C-alpha atoms as a PDB file:
ATOM      1  CA  UNK A   1      17.169   7.902  31.007  1.00  0.00           C
ATOM      2  CA  UNK A   2      16.646   4.598  32.611  1.00  0.00           C
ATOM      3  CA  UNK A   3      16.533   3.955  36.338  1.00  0.00           C
ATOM      4  CA  UNK A   4      16.179   0.186  36.172  1.00  0.00           C
ATOM      5  CA  UNK A   5      18.771  -2.106  37.635  1.00  0.00           C
ATOM      6  CA  UNK A   6      19.967  -5.503  36.546  1.00  0.00           C
ATOM      7  CA  UNK A   7      21.304  -8.181  38.868  1.00  0.00           C
ATOM      8  CA  UNK A   8      24.282  -9.941  37.360  1.00  0.00           C
ATOM      9  CA  UNK A   9      26.458 -12.342  39.360  1.00  0.00           C
ATOM     10  CA  UNK A  10      25.142 -10.870  42.622  1.00  0.00           C
ATOM     11  CA  UNK A  11      26.159  -7.384  41.455  1.00  0.00           C
ATOM     12  CA  UNK A  12      23.638  -4.658  40.905  1.00  0.00           C
ATOM     13  CA  UNK A  13      24.385  -2.609  37.810  1.00  0.00           C
ATOM     14  CA  UNK A  14      22.416   0.482  37.025  1.00  0.00           C
ATOM     15  CA  UNK A  15      21.396   0.855  33.412  1.00  0.00           C
ATOM     16  CA  UNK A  16      21.707   4.582  33.965  1.00  0.00           C
ATOM     17  CA  UNK A  17      25.481   4.141  34.270  1.00  0.00           C
ATOM     18  CA  UNK A  18      25.689   2.258  30.980  1.00  0.00           C
ATOM     19  CA  UNK A  19      23.778   4.909  29.057  1.00  0.00           C
ATOM     20  CA  UNK A  20      25.220   8.063  30.516  1.00  0.00           C
ATOM     21  CA  UNK A  21      24.817  10.220  27.402  1.00  0.00           C
ATOM     22  CA  UNK A  22      25.584  13.891  27.245  1.00  0.00           C
ATOM     23  CA  UNK A  23      23.120  16.524  26.052  1.00  0.00           C
ATOM     24  CA  UNK A  24      24.918  16.742  22.699  1.00  0.00           C
ATOM     25  CA  UNK A  25      24.660  12.994  22.190  1.00  0.00           C
ATOM     26  CA  UNK A  26      20.928  13.118  22.991  1.00  0.00           C
ATOM     27  CA  UNK A  27      20.520  16.083  20.678  1.00  0.00           C
ATOM     28  CA  UNK A  28      22.378  14.328  17.847  1.00  0.00           C
ATOM     29  CA  UNK A  29      20.311  11.189  18.344  1.00  0.00           C
ATOM     30  CA  UNK A  30      17.132  13.265  18.331  1.00  0.00           C
ATOM     31  CA  UNK A  31      18.149  15.064  15.127  1.00  0.00           C
ATOM     32  CA  UNK A  32      18.942  11.753  13.472  1.00  0.00           C
ATOM     33  CA  UNK A  33      15.574  10.340  14.464  1.00  0.00           C
ATOM     34  CA  UNK A  34      13.803  13.529  13.392  1.00  0.00           C
ATOM     35  CA  UNK A  35      15.498  13.441   9.974  1.00  0.00           C
ATOM     36  CA  UNK A  36      14.456   9.807   9.591  1.00  0.00           C
ATOM     37  CA  UNK A  37      10.916  10.772  10.630  1.00  0.00           C
ATOM     38  CA  UNK A  38      10.789  13.483   7.953  1.00  0.00           C
ATOM     39  CA  UNK A  39      12.074  11.052   5.298  1.00  0.00           C
ATOM     40  CA  UNK A  40       9.448   8.488   6.297  1.00  0.00           C
ATOM     41  CA  UNK A  41       6.792  11.202   6.249  1.00  0.00           C
ATOM     42  CA  UNK A  42       7.767  12.113   2.683  1.00  0.00           C
ATOM     43  CA  UNK A  43       7.697   8.457   1.644  1.00  0.00           C
ATOM     44  CA  UNK A  44       4.292   8.056   3.286  1.00  0.00           C
ATOM     45  CA  UNK A  45       2.903  11.077   1.427  1.00  0.00           C
ATOM     46  CA  UNK A  46       4.226   9.725  -1.858  1.00  0.00           C
ATOM     47  CA  UNK A  47       2.755   6.283  -1.165  1.00  0.00           C
ATOM     48  CA  UNK A  48      -0.560   7.882  -0.250  1.00  0.00           C
ATOM     49  CA  UNK A  49      -0.612   9.773  -3.577  1.00  0.00           C
ATOM     50  CA  UNK A  50       0.320   6.620  -5.479  1.00  0.00           C
ATOM     51  CA  UNK A  51      -2.446   4.740  -3.680  1.00  0.00           C
ATOM     52  CA  UNK A  52      -5.004   7.384  -4.678  1.00  0.00           C
ATOM     53  CA  UNK A  53      -3.818   7.221  -8.306  1.00  0.00           C
ATOM     54  CA  UNK A  54      -4.039   3.441  -8.283  1.00  0.00           C
ATOM     55  CA  UNK A  55      -7.585   3.590  -6.907  1.00  0.00           C
ATOM     56  CA  UNK A  56      -8.582   5.911  -9.760  1.00  0.00           C
ATOM     57  CA  UNK A  57      -6.913   3.572 -12.238  1.00  0.00           C
ATOM     58  CA  UNK A  58      -8.745   0.587 -10.732  1.00  0.00           C
ATOM     59  CA  UNK A  59     -12.080   2.373 -11.139  1.00  0.00           C
ATOM     60  CA  UNK A  60     -11.234   3.248 -14.739  1.00  0.00           C
ATOM     61  CA  UNK A  61     -10.238  -0.339 -15.507  1.00  0.00           C
ATOM     62  CA  UNK A  62     -13.414  -1.671 -13.889  1.00  0.00           C
ATOM     63  CA  UNK A  63     -15.514   0.637 -16.063  1.00  0.00           C
ATOM     64  CA  UNK A  64     -13.617  -0.447 -19.169  1.00  0.00           C
ATOM     65  CA  UNK A  65     -14.053  -4.099 -18.175  1.00  0.00           C
ATOM     66  CA  UNK A  66     -17.823  -3.571 -17.831  1.00  0.00           C
ATOM     67  CA  UNK A  67     -17.936  -1.973 -21.279  1.00  0.00           C
ATOM     68  CA  UNK A  68     -16.000  -4.890 -22.764  1.00  0.00           C
ATOM     69  CA  UNK A  69     -18.231  -7.451 -21.045  1.00  0.00           C
ATOM     70  CA  UNK A  70     -21.340  -5.673 -22.292  1.00  0.00           C
ATOM     71  CA  UNK A  71     -19.894  -5.503 -25.799  1.00  0.00           C
ATOM     72  CA  UNK A  72     -19.016  -9.208 -25.642  1.00  0.00           C
ATOM     73  CA  UNK A  73     -22.556 -10.066 -24.487  1.00  0.00           C
ATOM     74  CA  UNK A  74     -24.055  -8.037 -27.320  1.00  0.00           C
ATOM     75  CA  UNK A  75     -21.763  -9.749 -29.818  1.00  0.00           C
ATOM     76  CA  UNK A  76     -22.842 -13.157 -28.518  1.00  0.00           C
ATOM     77  CA  UNK A  77     -26.507 -12.167 -28.792  1.00  0.00           C
ATOM     78  CA  UNK A  78     -25.988 -10.960 -32.362  1.00  0.00           C
ATOM     79  CA  UNK A  79     -24.152 -14.171 -33.267  1.00  0.00           C
ATOM     80  CA  UNK A  80     -27.045 -16.223 -31.872  1.00  0.00           C
ATOM     81  CA  UNK A  81     -29.578 -14.137 -33.810  1.00  0.00           C
ATOM     82  CA  UNK A  82     -27.456 -14.513 -36.923  1.00  0.00           C
ATOM     83  CA  UNK A  83     -27.396 -18.327 -36.525  1.00  0.00           C
ATOM     84  CA  UNK A  84     -31.155 -18.404 -36.045  1.00  0.00           C
ATOM     85  CA  UNK A  85     -31.707 -16.255 -39.132  1.00  0.00           C
ATOM     86  CA  UNK A  86     -29.327 -18.411 -41.211  1.00  0.00           C
ATOM     87  CA  UNK A  87     -31.158 -21.556 -40.114  1.00  0.00           C
ATOM     88  CA  UNK A  88     -34.511 -20.002 -41.007  1.00  0.00           C
ATOM     89  CA  UNK A  89     -33.182 -19.001 -44.424  1.00  0.00           C
ATOM     90  CA  UNK A  90     -31.796 -22.498 -45.102  1.00  0.00           C
ATOM     91  CA  UNK A  91     -35.058 -24.101 -44.043  1.00  0.00           C
ATOM     92  CA  UNK A  92     -37.162 -21.752 -46.156  1.00  0.00           C
END
């Protein structure tokens, strides 16, 4: 329901006249919007669940990445120790 008016070519036109909807039309429009609202609510819930799952997966991947980095660092340290020991053996 709109009570605004628009001036057009020196004529005053009420927006209320343009949108004179019956109760059934309002009710149908409301039901359509409500159905859309419920669909969007379902999509939002699903997205929220997916987001939570992705956050868990991110944490898991970060932990795995830390393990790999630590393993890589240990391998590099062992390779360096191995080189040093080989050089000592060659020199001896």
